[in-house]
Amino acid sequence: SLVDVSRRVDVSSDIINGRVEVTPQGVIGNSSNGTMEDSVVVFAPAMTWVKSADGEAFALGFYTVSGLTMTLPEGRSSPGAAGGFDTTAEQRFMTTSAAYARTIADGLSVGLAVNLNYVDFHSNTITLAGVETAGNNQLDSALGGGFVLSAYQRWQQLSLGATFTSRQWMQTLDKYRDIFAGSP
């Protein structure tokens, strides 16, 4: 639908009031503290620039895809509570996209977007071996990419669109290989 958007720049930020509530259970769960909570306000910025004319459109965009943040007062697991870990996790996933769309027939347009992705992560979580991750709460980051194909049909009273988003290929978070199997 980029071909129907006029030349414009949009800037925004989502303000997310995130809250996590954890009640550890299970064989190694730290149930001695009952329910543990954390809350945080996070800003998720976005920006889009579109230029369209004569049935063609170009766009650049930057946006936050997902994230998480959690800092608990005690470890979620018994080994974590005893060792002072398994309390923290923070992750951000952001994408920059360059897109081109073109009208190819009466009201029918197709588009292609190329994505450049960035993820960062840090945590002191427990591994399957029952010890703190080798990442030791240090920031690690990875780059990746993918693409989006789309089709858009516009009639006078109705418009329909379809989108295919490829797998987003990513580098490995090297410091956290002990908790992630492959790329994030």
Protein backbone atom coordinates (compact mmCIF):
# COMPACT_ATOMS: atom_id res chain seq x y z
CA SER A 1 0.00 0.00 0.00
CA LEU A 2 3.05 2.31 -0.07
CA VAL A 3 1.96 3.49 -3.52
CA ASP A 4 -1.10 5.09 -1.87
CA VAL A 5 0.92 6.93 0.80
CA SER A 6 1.92 10.50 0.09
CA ARG A 7 5.41 11.82 0.73
CA ARG A 8 5.78 11.87 4.49
CA VAL A 9 7.92 11.33 7.57
CA ASP A 10 6.47 9.69 10.68
CA VAL A 11 8.28 9.58 14.03
CA SER A 12 6.86 7.89 17.10
CA SER A 13 7.72 6.04 20.26
CA ASP A 14 5.71 3.42 22.07
CA ILE A 15 5.90 3.80 25.82
CA ILE A 16 5.63 0.37 27.38
CA ASN A 17 4.94 -0.04 31.05
CA GLY A 18 6.31 -3.57 31.39
CA ARG A 19 5.56 -5.70 34.39
CA VAL A 20 6.70 -9.21 35.19
CA GLU A 21 5.44 -11.43 37.98
CA VAL A 22 7.27 -14.71 38.61
CA THR A 23 6.30 -17.49 41.03
CA PRO A 24 9.16 -20.02 40.83
CA GLN A 25 8.14 -23.63 41.19
CA GLY A 26 9.47 -27.04 40.25
CA VAL A 27 12.38 -29.14 41.45
CA ILE A 28 14.97 -26.32 41.51
CA GLY A 29 12.59 -23.35 41.67
CA ASN A 30 13.31 -20.76 44.38
CA SER A 31 9.89 -20.90 46.02
CA SER A 32 11.14 -19.42 49.33
CA ASN A 33 10.35 -15.85 48.21
CA GLY A 34 6.91 -16.60 46.80
CA THR A 35 6.01 -14.27 43.94
CA MET A 36 8.70 -11.85 42.74
CA GLU A 37 7.90 -8.75 40.67
CA ASP A 38 9.61 -6.17 38.49
CA SER A 39 8.28 -3.26 36.47
CA VAL A 40 9.96 -0.89 34.06
CA VAL A 41 9.02 1.82 31.57
CA VAL A 42 10.60 1.25 28.14
CA PHE A 43 10.63 3.52 25.08
CA ALA A 44 10.40 1.78 21.68
CA PRO A 45 11.17 4.33 18.94
CA ALA A 46 10.07 4.17 15.30
CA MET A 47 10.64 6.33 12.22
CA THR A 48 9.43 5.99 8.63
CA TRP A 49 10.15 8.07 5.52
CA VAL A 50 8.07 7.52 2.37
CA LYS A 51 8.38 9.10 -1.07
CA SER A 52 5.84 8.12 -3.71
CA ALA A 53 4.94 9.40 -7.17
CA ASP A 54 3.55 7.99 -10.42
CA GLY A 55 2.72 4.52 -9.03
CA GLU A 56 6.13 3.98 -7.39
CA ALA A 57 7.17 4.34 -3.77
CA PHE A 58 10.39 4.19 -1.78
CA ALA A 59 10.47 3.91 2.01
CA LEU A 60 12.99 3.68 4.82
CA GLY A 61 11.97 2.67 8.29
CA PHE A 62 13.41 1.96 11.71
CA TYR A 63 11.37 0.27 14.41
CA THR A 64 11.56 -1.88 17.52
CA VAL A 65 10.23 -5.38 16.87
CA SER A 66 10.36 -6.86 20.36
CA GLY A 67 12.10 -6.81 23.70
CA LEU A 68 12.08 -7.93 27.28
CA THR A 69 13.52 -6.66 30.50
CA MET A 70 13.50 -8.18 33.95
CA THR A 71 15.51 -7.63 37.13
CA LEU A 72 14.28 -9.67 40.07
CA PRO A 73 15.38 -9.23 43.70
CA GLU A 74 16.41 -12.91 44.06
CA GLY A 75 17.28 -15.78 41.72
CA ARG A 76 14.35 -17.63 40.13
CA SER A 77 16.08 -20.96 40.82
CA SER A 78 17.53 -22.31 44.08
CA PRO A 79 21.07 -22.46 42.59
CA GLY A 80 20.61 -18.89 41.32
CA ALA A 81 19.39 -17.62 44.71
CA ALA A 82 22.35 -19.30 46.46
CA GLY A 83 24.87 -18.02 43.89
CA GLY A 84 23.46 -14.54 43.29
CA PHE A 85 22.40 -15.10 39.67
CA ASP A 86 19.31 -16.01 37.60
CA THR A 87 17.79 -12.57 38.26
CA THR A 88 18.28 -10.52 35.09
CA ALA A 89 17.44 -10.65 31.40
CA GLU A 90 17.24 -7.83 28.85
CA GLN A 91 16.81 -8.14 25.09
CA ARG A 92 16.05 -5.69 22.24
CA PHE A 93 15.31 -6.55 18.62
CA MET A 94 15.26 -3.66 16.13
CA THR A 95 14.90 -3.54 12.35
CA THR A 96 15.76 -1.06 9.63
CA SER A 97 13.90 -1.63 6.36
CA ALA A 98 14.34 -0.27 2.84
CA ALA A 99 11.27 -0.85 0.66
CA TYR A 100 10.23 -0.36 -2.96
CA ALA A 101 6.68 -0.75 -4.29
CA ARG A 102 5.28 -0.35 -7.81
CA THR A 103 1.83 -0.45 -9.38
CA ILE A 104 1.92 -3.12 -12.10
CA ALA A 105 -1.73 -3.18 -13.21
CA ASP A 106 -5.01 -1.39 -12.52
CA GLY A 107 -4.93 -1.08 -8.71
CA LEU A 108 -2.46 -3.98 -8.28
CA SER A 109 0.89 -3.21 -6.65
CA VAL A 110 3.81 -5.37 -5.56
CA GLY A 111 6.54 -4.55 -3.09
CA LEU A 112 9.89 -5.72 -1.76
CA ALA A 113 11.54 -4.72 1.51
CA VAL A 114 15.01 -5.65 2.69
CA ASN A 115 15.53 -5.80 6.46
CA LEU A 116 18.69 -5.20 8.46
CA ASN A 117 18.17 -6.51 11.99
CA TYR A 118 19.98 -5.84 15.26
CA VAL A 119 19.56 -7.72 18.53
CA ASP A 120 21.30 -7.24 21.84
CA PHE A 121 21.02 -9.32 24.97
CA HIS A 122 22.44 -9.66 28.45
CA SER A 123 21.46 -12.01 31.25
CA ASN A 124 22.72 -13.93 34.25
CA THR A 125 20.22 -16.76 33.77
CA ILE A 126 20.72 -20.37 34.77
CA THR A 127 21.78 -22.93 32.16
CA LEU A 128 20.61 -26.53 31.80
CA ALA A 129 23.78 -27.51 33.69
CA GLY A 130 22.50 -25.57 36.75
CA VAL A 131 25.15 -22.84 36.61
CA GLU A 132 25.16 -19.19 35.54
CA THR A 133 25.45 -18.58 31.81
CA ALA A 134 28.97 -17.95 30.50
CA GLY A 135 27.69 -14.57 29.26
CA ASN A 136 27.81 -13.41 32.90
CA ASN A 137 25.34 -10.54 32.28
CA GLN A 138 27.64 -8.93 29.67
CA LEU A 139 26.04 -7.24 26.66
CA ASP A 140 26.26 -9.26 23.42
CA SER A 141 24.86 -8.25 20.04
CA ALA A 142 24.21 -9.75 16.62
CA LEU A 143 23.22 -8.56 13.15
CA GLY A 144 20.95 -10.23 10.66
CA GLY A 145 18.67 -9.71 7.73
CA GLY A 146 15.76 -10.89 5.70
CA PHE A 147 13.16 -9.70 3.23
CA VAL A 148 9.45 -9.06 2.80
CA LEU A 149 7.39 -9.57 -0.39
CA SER A 150 3.95 -8.06 -0.70
CA ALA A 151 1.00 -7.64 -3.05
CA TYR A 152 -1.76 -5.05 -2.75
CA GLN A 153 -4.99 -4.73 -4.71
CA ARG A 154 -7.04 -1.53 -4.46
CA TRP A 155 -10.59 -1.16 -5.74
CA GLN A 156 -12.91 1.80 -5.14
CA GLN A 157 -14.47 0.52 -1.91
CA LEU A 158 -12.10 -2.25 -0.81
CA SER A 159 -8.39 -2.96 -0.61
CA LEU A 160 -6.68 -6.29 0.12
CA GLY A 161 -3.06 -7.03 0.83
CA ALA A 162 -0.86 -10.07 1.36
CA THR A 163 2.62 -10.21 2.82
CA PHE A 164 5.30 -12.88 3.05
CA THR A 165 8.12 -12.29 5.53
CA SER A 166 11.18 -14.51 5.14
CA ARG A 167 13.07 -16.07 7.99
CA GLN A 168 15.23 -13.36 9.54
CA TRP A 169 18.75 -14.81 9.45
CA MET A 170 20.88 -13.77 12.43
CA GLN A 171 24.41 -14.09 13.70
CA THR A 172 24.93 -16.03 16.92
CA LEU A 173 25.10 -14.33 20.30
CA ASP A 174 28.58 -15.71 21.06
CA LYS A 175 28.62 -14.99 24.80
CA TYR A 176 25.35 -16.88 25.31
CA ARG A 177 25.90 -20.06 23.27
CA ASP A 178 25.20 -22.07 26.42
CA ILE A 179 21.55 -20.91 26.57
CA PHE A 180 20.70 -20.39 22.88
CA ALA A 181 20.72 -23.23 20.36
CA GLY A 182 21.83 -21.51 17.12
CA SER A 183 21.00 -17.93 16.28
CA PRO A 184 18.42 -15.91 18.25
